[in-house]
């Protein structure tokens, strides 16, 4: 039931200080979860081979609506 409460109902049932604490705590949790997700994403990106990175860029270009891409431009230059 508590998950179904509207923000107004939460404020009515709780004190404003408690509601503010809950909001700040949740924001901190989301920030921590985002940092963990970003670290995992960086690790995944580092583990990709060059061909996989190029394939990912081609997929991103396709999703952006580009019909053609120049793969040679996507290769890492020494």
Protein backbone atom coordinates (compact mmCIF):
# COMPACT_ATOMS: atom_id res chain seq x y z
CA UNK A 1 0.00 0.00 0.00
CA UNK A 2 2.75 2.48 0.89
CA UNK A 3 4.16 2.23 -2.64
CA UNK A 4 0.82 3.41 -4.03
CA UNK A 5 0.72 6.69 -2.11
CA UNK A 6 0.72 9.96 -3.98
CA UNK A 7 3.24 12.65 -3.00
CA UNK A 8 0.42 14.57 -1.31
CA UNK A 9 -0.57 11.56 0.77
CA UNK A 10 3.03 11.00 1.83
CA UNK A 11 3.33 14.60 3.00
CA UNK A 12 0.02 14.36 4.85
CA UNK A 13 1.02 11.14 6.65
CA UNK A 14 4.64 12.14 7.34
CA UNK A 15 6.21 15.31 8.61
CA UNK A 16 7.78 17.59 6.02
CA UNK A 17 11.20 16.89 7.54
CA UNK A 18 10.74 13.13 7.13
CA UNK A 19 9.50 13.56 3.57
CA UNK A 20 12.52 15.73 2.74
CA UNK A 21 14.85 13.14 4.30
CA UNK A 22 13.21 10.38 2.24
CA UNK A 23 13.63 12.39 -0.96
CA UNK A 24 17.28 13.20 -0.24
CA UNK A 25 18.00 9.58 0.66
CA UNK A 26 16.40 8.32 -2.54
CA UNK A 27 18.31 10.86 -4.63
CA UNK A 28 21.56 9.63 -3.04
CA UNK A 29 20.63 6.01 -3.80
CA UNK A 30 19.91 6.90 -7.44
CA UNK A 31 23.22 8.74 -7.72
CA UNK A 32 25.08 5.74 -6.29
CA UNK A 33 23.25 3.33 -8.60
CA UNK A 34 24.09 5.54 -11.58
CA UNK A 35 27.79 5.59 -10.64
CA UNK A 36 27.78 1.79 -10.38
CA UNK A 37 26.01 1.49 -13.75
CA UNK A 38 28.46 3.90 -15.39
CA UNK A 39 31.45 1.98 -13.98
CA UNK A 40 30.03 -1.28 -15.35
CA UNK A 41 29.41 0.35 -18.72
CA UNK A 42 32.99 1.66 -18.84
CA UNK A 43 34.27 -1.82 -18.02
CA UNK A 44 32.16 -3.33 -20.76
CA UNK A 45 33.33 -0.74 -23.28
CA UNK A 46 36.98 -1.43 -22.38
CA UNK A 47 36.43 -5.16 -22.90
CA UNK A 48 35.11 -4.72 -26.45
CA UNK A 49 37.34 -5.56 -29.39
CA UNK A 50 37.91 -2.95 -32.08
CA UNK A 51 35.47 -4.75 -34.39
CA UNK A 52 32.81 -4.72 -31.67
CA UNK A 53 33.35 -0.99 -31.05
CA UNK A 54 32.99 -0.28 -34.78
CA UNK A 55 29.86 -2.43 -34.88
CA UNK A 56 28.42 -0.48 -31.94
CA UNK A 57 29.12 2.81 -33.72
CA UNK A 58 27.45 1.49 -36.88
CA UNK A 59 24.42 0.45 -34.83
CA UNK A 60 24.26 3.90 -33.20
CA UNK A 61 24.48 5.56 -36.64
CA UNK A 62 21.71 3.30 -37.93
CA UNK A 63 19.50 4.18 -34.93
CA UNK A 64 20.19 7.86 -35.60
CA UNK A 65 18.73 7.39 -39.09
CA UNK A 66 21.93 7.32 -41.14
CA UNK A 67 21.70 5.05 -44.15
CA UNK A 68 25.44 4.72 -44.73
CA UNK A 69 28.54 5.03 -42.63
CA UNK A 70 32.20 5.11 -43.50
CA UNK A 71 33.73 2.35 -41.40
CA UNK A 72 37.26 3.49 -42.20
CA UNK A 73 36.50 6.74 -40.36
CA UNK A 74 35.45 4.74 -37.31
CA UNK A 75 38.64 2.70 -37.01
CA UNK A 76 41.06 3.77 -34.31
CA UNK A 77 44.01 5.53 -35.88
CA UNK A 78 47.50 4.70 -34.51
